Amino acid sequence: MKSQSIEIPKQKYKSFDDTFKFCSFSLAVGLLYPNKRNLRTRIILFLCVLLFNFFSLFWYIWYTTKCLVKLDVYNSTRNITLGVVISLFIFKTFYAHWKTAIFAKVLKQITKDLLKGNDMEEDYQEIYDYFIKQGKLGQSFYLFIPSLLSFMFPIYSGIAMIGGSLKNDDFKKYMIHEMDLKYVEDKQYESPYFELIYAYYTTPCFVILPNYVGFDGSFCIVTSHLRLKLKLVAHGVQKAFEDSTSTTELKERLKICIKDHQEALNYHVLIQNMYGGWLFAVFILTTFLISCNLYQIYLVGVDPKYTLFALTGVFHMYMPCHFASCLIALGEEVCTDLYCVKWEAWSDPAITKLLIFMMARAQKKVLLTGLNLVTFNMDTFVSLMQTSYSFFTLITS
C-alpha cells in the first residue's frame, strides 16, 4: 500500500513573532522581549552594555555639566538634545524589564487572536488584513526613522571629513558628536586617538537603534490590534442580527460578542498599564528635544543635522498621538455601528437590553494617557508643538 502524506493546511495568520518580524527581532536584540525566564540575564547584559559605554557616558555628562556651569547655552542645548535620546533609551530598557509580565500578556494576546483568525470567515479576515497592515505600517516607520537618526551622526561627520580630504590634505576632523573629552582634550584629534574614539563612539548608534525600533514600534502594533478587536466585536454583532434564525441563537451570539467586548476593554486596560509611563516620558522629553533643536537652528541657521533631529522629534510625538487618536475614533464608531444593526426586526426585549448594554459600554472613550496626566490624541500633538515653541521663545529671549 502506498503511504499517503497528510497535508497540513498553511495558516494565513501566525504568531506575533512571525507577523511582526522587525519589531520582534528588535525587541530581542534590544534586550526588551518579555521573557521572565531570562529577565535576570537581560538586566546583566544591559548593565554590561552600559559599562562598555562608560567612557561615552562619562565624557558626555562631564562636558554637559561644564557647559551648564559656564552658561554655554549653545553647547548645553546641543548636548541636552542628545541627552533626551540617551535618557529615553535607558528609561525604556529598565521600564520594559519592570513591566515584563504585563508586556508578555500584551504580546501573547496578539498571538492568540491572530491564530484565532485562521478559523474565521472571509469577511472577518478582511478586517484582520486591514489592521495587520496598519500595525506593519507603524512598524516600518519606526524602523526607518530611528535608523535614519542613529546613522545620521557618523554619516554626517564622515561626509564632512571626506569632503575636506578631497580639498586639502590637512582637513578638519569631526567627531560623531563634538565635545571636549576629559583627560584627552589635547589629543582627541590626533592619530590614533581620533580613530579609536570615533570607532568607539559608533557603538551607541547600534545599541540604541533596536530599542527604539522594537519598543516604540510595538505601541503602533498593539493599538492597531486593539482597534482590530473592537471592530471584530461590532462586526460580530452585525452578523448576529443578520444571520441568526431564532431569538435563542441571537442571544447566544450576542453573549459571545459581549464577552469579546469585555476582553477588548480588558486589553485596553492592559495597554494603558504597559505604556502609560512611557507615554508620559515621551511627552516631557520630546518637548525639550524639539525646543533645543529649534534653538540650534535659530543660532546656526538651517543645519541638516539639527533640522533632521527636530523632524524626528516631531515624528516621535506624532506617531503615538496618531495611533491613539485612531483608537479613540474607532472606539466611537463602535457605538454607532451597534446602533445601526437591524435591531428593529427583532421584538424581543431581552435582545434589546443586551444591545443597549453593549452600546452603553461602547460610549466610554478608549483613551490612552501618560500616567493619567496627558491624554494622547492629535490635540495633544498640537499642544506639544505650541509648548515647544513657547519654550523656544523663552530660551531665545
Protein backbone atom coordinates (compact mmCIF):
# COMPACT_ATOMS: atom_id res chain seq x y z
CA MET A 1 0.00 0.00 0.00
CA LYS A 2 1.20 3.45 -0.83
CA SER A 3 1.65 5.72 2.12
CA GLN A 4 -0.41 8.84 1.84
CA SER A 5 1.09 12.06 3.15
CA ILE A 6 -1.21 14.22 5.17
CA GLU A 7 -1.03 17.85 4.10
CA ILE A 8 -1.42 20.35 6.89
CA PRO A 9 -3.19 23.48 5.64
CA LYS A 10 -0.98 26.54 5.69
CA GLN A 11 -2.07 29.10 8.26
CA LYS A 12 -2.75 32.59 6.97
CA TYR A 13 -2.19 34.25 10.34
CA LYS A 14 0.74 33.36 12.54
CA SER A 15 2.17 34.41 15.89
CA PHE A 16 3.27 37.91 16.84
CA ASP A 17 6.91 36.98 16.19
CA ASP A 18 6.19 35.72 12.67
CA THR A 19 3.77 38.51 11.77
CA PHE A 20 5.78 41.49 13.01
CA LYS A 21 9.31 40.21 12.46
CA PHE A 22 11.18 43.53 12.58
CA CYS A 23 9.59 44.51 15.88
CA SER A 24 10.12 41.09 17.43
CA PHE A 25 13.74 40.91 16.30
CA SER A 26 14.46 44.43 17.57
CA LEU A 27 12.89 43.65 20.95
CA ALA A 28 15.11 40.58 21.25
CA VAL A 29 18.31 42.38 20.19
CA GLY A 30 17.44 45.35 22.40
CA LEU A 31 17.03 43.01 25.41
CA LEU A 32 13.39 44.05 25.73
CA TYR A 33 11.50 40.95 24.60
CA PRO A 34 9.33 39.94 27.59
CA ASN A 35 10.52 36.62 28.94
CA LYS A 36 10.52 36.07 32.70
CA ARG A 37 12.99 33.19 32.44
CA ASN A 38 15.81 35.37 31.10
CA LEU A 39 14.95 38.64 32.85
CA ARG A 40 18.00 38.48 35.11
CA THR A 41 20.25 37.69 32.14
CA ARG A 42 18.83 40.62 30.17
CA ILE A 43 19.43 43.02 33.05
CA ILE A 44 23.03 41.81 33.44
CA LEU A 45 23.66 42.14 29.70
CA PHE A 46 22.21 45.65 29.67
CA LEU A 47 24.44 46.67 32.58
CA CYS A 48 27.38 45.26 30.60
CA VAL A 49 26.33 47.42 27.64
CA LEU A 50 26.29 50.49 29.90
CA LEU A 51 29.66 49.51 31.32
CA PHE A 52 31.13 49.16 27.83
CA ASN A 53 29.86 52.66 27.01
CA PHE A 54 31.03 54.05 30.36
CA PHE A 55 33.55 56.46 28.85
CA SER A 56 31.00 57.79 26.36
CA LEU A 57 28.56 58.48 29.19
CA PHE A 58 31.27 59.91 31.43
CA TRP A 59 32.54 62.31 28.75
CA TYR A 60 29.01 63.33 27.86
CA ILE A 61 27.97 64.05 31.47
CA TRP A 62 31.23 65.86 32.24
CA TYR A 63 31.06 68.07 29.14
CA THR A 64 27.35 68.85 29.59
CA THR A 65 27.96 69.83 33.22
CA LYS A 66 30.88 72.01 32.13
CA CYS A 67 28.71 73.81 29.56
CA LEU A 68 25.91 74.37 32.06
CA VAL A 69 28.31 75.78 34.66
CA LYS A 70 29.82 78.15 32.08
CA LEU A 71 26.31 79.11 30.89
CA ASP A 72 27.24 77.95 27.40
CA VAL A 73 23.68 77.81 26.10
CA TYR A 74 24.61 76.69 22.58
CA ASN A 75 26.56 73.60 23.61
CA SER A 76 24.23 72.93 26.55
CA THR A 77 21.18 72.68 24.29
CA ARG A 78 23.18 70.63 21.79
CA ASN A 79 24.06 68.12 24.50
CA ILE A 80 20.58 68.13 26.03
CA THR A 81 19.21 67.19 22.61
CA LEU A 82 21.38 64.09 22.59
CA GLY A 83 20.67 63.52 26.27
CA VAL A 84 16.94 63.13 25.56
CA VAL A 85 17.67 60.21 23.23
CA ILE A 86 20.02 58.59 25.75
CA SER A 87 17.61 59.14 28.66
CA LEU A 88 14.70 57.59 26.78
CA PHE A 89 16.88 54.63 25.82
CA ILE A 90 17.90 53.89 29.42
CA PHE A 91 14.43 54.60 30.79
CA LYS A 92 12.67 52.33 28.29
CA THR A 93 15.03 49.44 28.96
CA PHE A 94 14.52 49.45 32.72
CA TYR A 95 10.82 50.23 32.24
CA ALA A 96 10.33 47.26 29.90
CA HIS A 97 12.18 45.00 32.35
CA TRP A 98 9.95 46.21 35.17
CA LYS A 99 6.81 45.61 33.06
CA THR A 100 7.94 42.23 31.70
CA ALA A 101 4.88 40.33 32.99
CA ILE A 102 2.40 42.84 31.56
CA PHE A 103 4.33 43.15 28.29
CA ALA A 104 4.27 39.37 27.88
CA LYS A 105 0.47 39.32 28.33
CA VAL A 106 0.07 42.07 25.73
CA LEU A 107 2.06 40.19 23.09
CA LYS A 108 0.59 36.77 23.93
CA GLN A 109 -2.90 38.16 23.42
CA ILE A 110 -1.92 39.31 19.94
CA THR A 111 -0.64 35.82 19.09
CA LYS A 112 -3.81 34.22 20.48
CA ASP A 113 -6.09 36.49 18.45
CA LEU A 114 -4.07 36.15 15.25
CA LEU A 115 -4.19 32.36 15.38
CA LYS A 116 -7.92 32.52 16.09
CA GLY A 117 -8.36 34.46 12.85
CA ASN A 118 -7.42 31.38 10.81
CA ASP A 119 -10.76 29.79 11.68
CA MET A 120 -12.86 32.85 10.86
CA GLU A 121 -14.87 33.64 7.76
CA GLU A 122 -13.54 35.73 4.88
CA ASP A 123 -15.30 38.95 5.91
CA TYR A 124 -13.68 38.73 9.35
CA GLN A 125 -10.29 38.05 7.77
CA GLU A 126 -10.61 41.20 5.67
CA ILE A 127 -10.80 43.14 8.93
CA TYR A 128 -7.74 41.25 10.16
CA ASP A 129 -5.81 42.10 6.99
CA TYR A 130 -6.53 45.83 7.28
CA PHE A 131 -5.44 46.25 10.88
CA ILE A 132 -2.40 43.99 10.49
CA LYS A 133 -1.32 46.31 7.66
CA GLN A 134 -1.83 49.27 9.99
CA GLY A 135 0.43 47.67 12.59
CA LYS A 136 3.07 46.85 9.98
CA LEU A 137 2.92 50.43 8.72
CA GLY A 138 3.75 51.74 12.18
CA GLN A 139 6.48 49.12 12.49
CA SER A 140 8.00 50.28 9.18
CA PHE A 141 8.01 53.94 10.20
CA TYR A 142 9.75 53.10 13.46
CA LEU A 143 12.29 51.06 11.51
CA PHE A 144 13.12 53.84 9.06
CA ILE A 145 13.11 56.99 11.23
CA PRO A 146 15.24 55.73 14.17
CA SER A 147 17.67 54.16 11.67
CA LEU A 148 18.00 57.50 9.92
CA LEU A 149 18.55 59.27 13.24
CA SER A 150 21.07 56.72 14.55
CA PHE A 151 23.29 56.73 11.49
CA MET A 152 22.92 60.44 10.80
CA PHE A 153 25.78 61.39 13.15
CA PRO A 154 28.51 59.07 11.79
CA ILE A 155 27.38 59.63 8.19
CA TYR A 156 27.30 63.42 8.61
CA SER A 157 30.77 63.61 10.16
CA GLY A 158 32.11 61.04 7.67
CA ILE A 159 30.86 63.00 4.66
CA ALA A 160 32.27 66.24 6.13
CA MET A 161 35.73 64.67 6.51
CA ILE A 162 35.63 63.04 3.07
CA GLY A 163 34.73 66.38 1.51
CA GLY A 164 37.54 68.08 3.43
CA SER A 165 40.11 65.45 2.44
CA LEU A 166 39.30 65.94 -1.24
CA LYS A 167 40.10 69.64 -0.96
CA ASN A 168 43.05 69.63 1.43
CA ASP A 169 45.43 67.09 2.95
CA ASP A 170 45.27 68.89 6.28
CA PHE A 171 41.50 68.65 6.63
CA LYS A 172 39.42 69.27 9.74
CA LYS A 173 38.37 66.18 11.67
CA TYR A 174 34.85 65.86 13.03
CA MET A 175 33.75 63.75 15.96
CA ILE A 176 30.41 61.95 15.79
CA HIS A 177 29.28 64.38 18.48
CA GLU A 178 31.58 67.33 19.00
CA MET A 179 32.60 67.83 22.64
CA ASP A 180 35.69 68.09 24.84
CA LEU A 181 36.79 64.73 26.21
CA LYS A 182 38.07 64.83 29.76
CA TYR A 183 41.77 63.85 30.12
CA VAL A 184 42.33 63.69 26.34
CA GLU A 185 41.25 67.18 25.26
CA ASP A 186 44.65 67.93 23.72
CA LYS A 187 44.93 64.55 21.96
CA GLN A 188 41.42 63.70 20.82
CA TYR A 189 42.01 64.90 17.24
CA GLU A 190 45.42 63.26 16.87
CA SER A 191 46.08 59.79 15.46
CA PRO A 192 45.48 57.13 16.65
CA TYR A 193 43.30 58.62 19.40
CA PHE A 194 40.83 60.15 16.97
CA GLU A 195 40.27 56.92 15.02
CA LEU A 196 39.86 54.86 18.19
CA ILE A 197 37.45 57.34 19.79
CA TYR A 198 35.49 57.68 16.55
CA ALA A 199 35.08 53.91 16.29
CA TYR A 200 34.17 53.71 19.99
CA TYR A 201 31.51 56.39 19.55
CA THR A 202 29.80 54.48 16.74
CA THR A 203 28.74 51.67 19.11
CA PRO A 204 25.95 53.69 20.81
CA CYS A 205 24.34 54.18 17.38
CA PHE A 206 23.93 50.42 17.01
CA VAL A 207 23.00 49.90 20.68
CA ILE A 208 20.20 52.49 20.76
CA LEU A 209 18.58 51.59 17.43
CA PRO A 210 16.87 48.26 18.36
CA ASN A 211 15.43 49.85 21.49
CA TYR A 212 13.50 52.47 19.52
CA VAL A 213 12.53 50.19 16.65
CA GLY A 214 11.23 47.46 18.95
CA PHE A 215 9.54 49.16 21.89
CA ASP A 216 8.17 52.23 20.12
CA GLY A 217 7.09 50.17 17.13
CA SER A 218 5.25 47.76 19.41
CA PHE A 219 2.96 50.59 20.54
CA CYS A 220 1.67 51.04 16.98
CA ILE A 221 1.13 47.30 16.65
CA VAL A 222 -0.64 46.96 19.99
CA THR A 223 -3.01 49.90 19.44
CA SER A 224 -3.82 48.61 15.95
CA HIS A 225 -4.61 45.23 17.47
CA LEU A 226 -7.00 46.78 19.98
CA ARG A 227 -8.74 48.52 17.09
CA LEU A 228 -8.98 45.11 15.42
CA LYS A 229 -10.63 43.58 18.49
CA LEU A 230 -13.18 46.40 18.76
CA LYS A 231 -14.01 46.25 15.05
CA LEU A 232 -14.49 42.48 15.25
CA VAL A 233 -16.98 42.98 18.09
CA ALA A 234 -19.05 45.46 16.07
CA HIS A 235 -18.93 43.22 13.00
CA GLY A 236 -19.86 40.19 15.08
CA VAL A 237 -22.97 41.93 16.42
CA GLN A 238 -23.97 42.98 12.91
CA LYS A 239 -23.56 39.42 11.61
CA ALA A 240 -25.51 38.04 14.58
CA PHE A 241 -28.54 40.19 13.77
CA GLU A 242 -28.33 39.39 10.05
CA ASP A 243 -27.69 35.64 10.16
CA SER A 244 -29.49 34.40 13.28
CA THR A 245 -32.57 32.28 12.66
CA SER A 246 -34.06 32.44 16.14
CA THR A 247 -34.04 34.61 19.23
CA THR A 248 -32.24 31.88 21.15
CA GLU A 249 -29.42 31.78 18.62
CA LEU A 250 -29.21 35.57 18.54
CA LYS A 251 -28.99 35.78 22.34
CA GLU A 252 -26.16 33.25 22.42
CA ARG A 253 -24.23 35.08 19.72
CA LEU A 254 -24.74 38.43 21.46
CA LYS A 255 -23.44 36.96 24.72
CA ILE A 256 -20.31 35.85 22.88
CA CYS A 257 -19.93 39.38 21.48
CA ILE A 258 -20.33 40.86 24.96
CA LYS A 259 -17.60 38.52 26.19
CA ASP A 260 -15.33 39.58 23.30
CA HIS A 261 -16.08 43.24 24.03
CA GLN A 262 -15.12 42.75 27.66
CA GLU A 263 -11.90 41.09 26.54
CA ALA A 264 -11.15 44.10 24.34
CA LEU A 265 -11.80 46.50 27.22
CA ASN A 266 -9.54 44.45 29.48
CA TYR A 267 -6.87 44.57 26.79
CA HIS A 268 -7.21 48.36 26.74
CA VAL A 269 -6.51 48.46 30.48
CA LEU A 270 -3.51 46.20 29.93
CA ILE A 271 -2.13 48.53 27.24
CA GLN A 272 -2.61 51.56 29.48
CA ASN A 273 -0.73 49.88 32.33
CA MET A 274 2.04 48.88 29.96
CA TYR A 275 2.63 52.09 28.02
CA GLY A 276 1.36 54.81 30.38
CA GLY A 277 4.75 55.61 31.91
CA TRP A 278 6.49 55.57 28.54
CA LEU A 279 3.90 57.93 27.01
CA PHE A 280 4.43 60.44 29.80
CA ALA A 281 8.22 60.28 29.41
CA VAL A 282 7.88 60.79 25.66
CA PHE A 283 5.67 63.83 26.18
CA ILE A 284 8.06 65.53 28.62
CA LEU A 285 11.36 64.71 26.92
CA THR A 286 10.18 65.33 23.37
CA THR A 287 9.24 68.87 24.33
CA PHE A 288 12.84 69.57 25.34
CA LEU A 289 14.17 67.78 22.27
CA ILE A 290 12.16 69.84 19.79
CA SER A 291 12.80 73.12 21.64
CA CYS A 292 16.56 72.60 21.84
CA ASN A 293 16.77 71.66 18.17
CA LEU A 294 14.81 74.75 17.21
CA TYR A 295 17.33 76.77 19.20
CA GLN A 296 20.21 75.16 17.32
CA ILE A 297 18.55 76.07 14.02
CA TYR A 298 17.98 79.60 15.33
CA LEU A 299 21.68 80.02 16.15
CA VAL A 300 23.41 78.39 13.18
CA GLY A 301 20.68 78.51 10.52
CA VAL A 302 19.16 75.53 8.78
CA ASP A 303 21.71 72.86 9.64
CA PRO A 304 20.79 69.48 8.05
CA LYS A 305 21.74 67.54 11.19
CA TYR A 306 19.70 69.54 13.68
CA THR A 307 16.83 70.05 11.24
CA LEU A 308 16.58 66.28 10.79
CA PHE A 309 16.87 65.83 14.55
CA ALA A 310 13.97 68.25 15.08
CA LEU A 311 11.85 66.45 12.48
CA THR A 312 12.48 63.07 14.12
CA GLY A 313 11.47 64.60 17.45
CA VAL A 314 8.21 65.78 15.91
CA PHE A 315 7.69 62.33 14.39
CA HIS A 316 8.37 60.65 17.73
CA MET A 317 5.47 62.54 19.25
CA TYR A 318 3.21 62.42 16.21
CA MET A 319 3.14 58.63 15.85
CA PRO A 320 1.78 57.74 19.32
CA CYS A 321 -0.69 60.64 19.10
CA HIS A 322 -1.86 59.49 15.67
CA PHE A 323 -2.35 55.85 16.64
CA ALA A 324 -4.01 56.79 19.94
CA SER A 325 -6.30 59.18 18.06
CA CYS A 326 -7.23 56.44 15.57
CA LEU A 327 -8.09 54.20 18.53
CA ILE A 328 -10.36 56.87 20.01
CA ALA A 329 -12.10 57.36 16.66
CA LEU A 330 -12.74 53.65 16.18
CA GLY A 331 -13.99 53.31 19.75
CA GLU A 332 -16.58 55.98 19.00
CA GLU A 333 -17.54 54.21 15.76
CA VAL A 334 -18.34 51.01 17.64
CA CYS A 335 -21.32 52.57 19.41
CA THR A 336 -22.66 53.89 16.09
CA ASP A 337 -22.14 50.52 14.42
CA LEU A 338 -24.06 48.81 17.21
CA TYR A 339 -26.97 51.20 16.84
CA CYS A 340 -27.06 50.66 13.06
CA VAL A 341 -27.65 46.90 13.29
CA LYS A 342 -31.12 45.58 12.34
CA TRP A 343 -32.44 45.57 15.88
CA GLU A 344 -35.91 46.77 14.81
CA ALA A 345 -36.57 43.43 13.11
CA TRP A 346 -36.42 41.68 16.48
CA SER A 347 -39.11 42.50 19.02
CA ASP A 348 -37.55 40.64 21.93
CA PRO A 349 -36.96 42.90 24.98
CA ALA A 350 -34.11 40.69 26.21
CA ILE A 351 -32.23 41.17 22.94
CA THR A 352 -32.80 44.92 23.08
CA LYS A 353 -31.43 45.03 26.63
CA LEU A 354 -28.28 43.17 25.59
CA LEU A 355 -27.71 45.61 22.74
CA ILE A 356 -28.33 48.65 24.96
CA PHE A 357 -25.86 47.21 27.47
CA MET A 358 -23.17 46.95 24.80
CA MET A 359 -23.92 50.44 23.47
CA ALA A 360 -23.65 51.91 26.97
CA ARG A 361 -20.21 50.35 27.46
CA ALA A 362 -19.09 51.39 23.98
CA GLN A 363 -19.87 55.06 24.73
CA LYS A 364 -16.90 55.27 27.08
CA LYS A 365 -13.93 56.70 25.17
CA VAL A 366 -10.98 54.39 24.64
CA LEU A 367 -8.24 56.76 25.80
CA LEU A 368 -4.53 56.22 26.28
CA THR A 369 -2.84 58.56 28.72
CA GLY A 370 0.57 59.28 30.12
CA LEU A 371 0.09 58.37 33.79
CA ASN A 372 -3.45 59.82 33.59
CA LEU A 373 -1.90 63.28 33.23
CA VAL A 374 -1.63 63.62 29.45
CA THR A 375 -4.24 62.22 27.06
CA PHE A 376 -2.67 61.23 23.76
CA ASN A 377 -4.56 62.44 20.69
CA MET A 378 -3.97 64.92 17.88
CA ASP A 379 -4.96 67.83 20.13
CA THR A 380 -2.12 66.83 22.44
CA PHE A 381 0.28 66.83 19.49
CA VAL A 382 -0.74 70.37 18.54
CA SER A 383 -0.45 71.42 22.19
CA LEU A 384 3.06 69.99 22.43
CA MET A 385 4.13 71.87 19.31
CA GLN A 386 2.84 75.06 20.89
CA THR A 387 4.59 74.27 24.18
CA SER A 388 7.86 73.56 22.36
CA TYR A 389 7.63 76.86 20.53
CA SER A 390 6.88 78.70 23.78
CA PHE A 391 9.94 77.11 25.39
CA PHE A 392 11.95 78.06 22.30
CA THR A 393 10.91 81.72 22.55
CA LEU A 394 11.80 81.64 26.26
CA ILE A 395 15.38 80.45 25.74
CA THR A 396 15.93 82.83 22.81
CA SER A 397 14.62 85.93 24.59
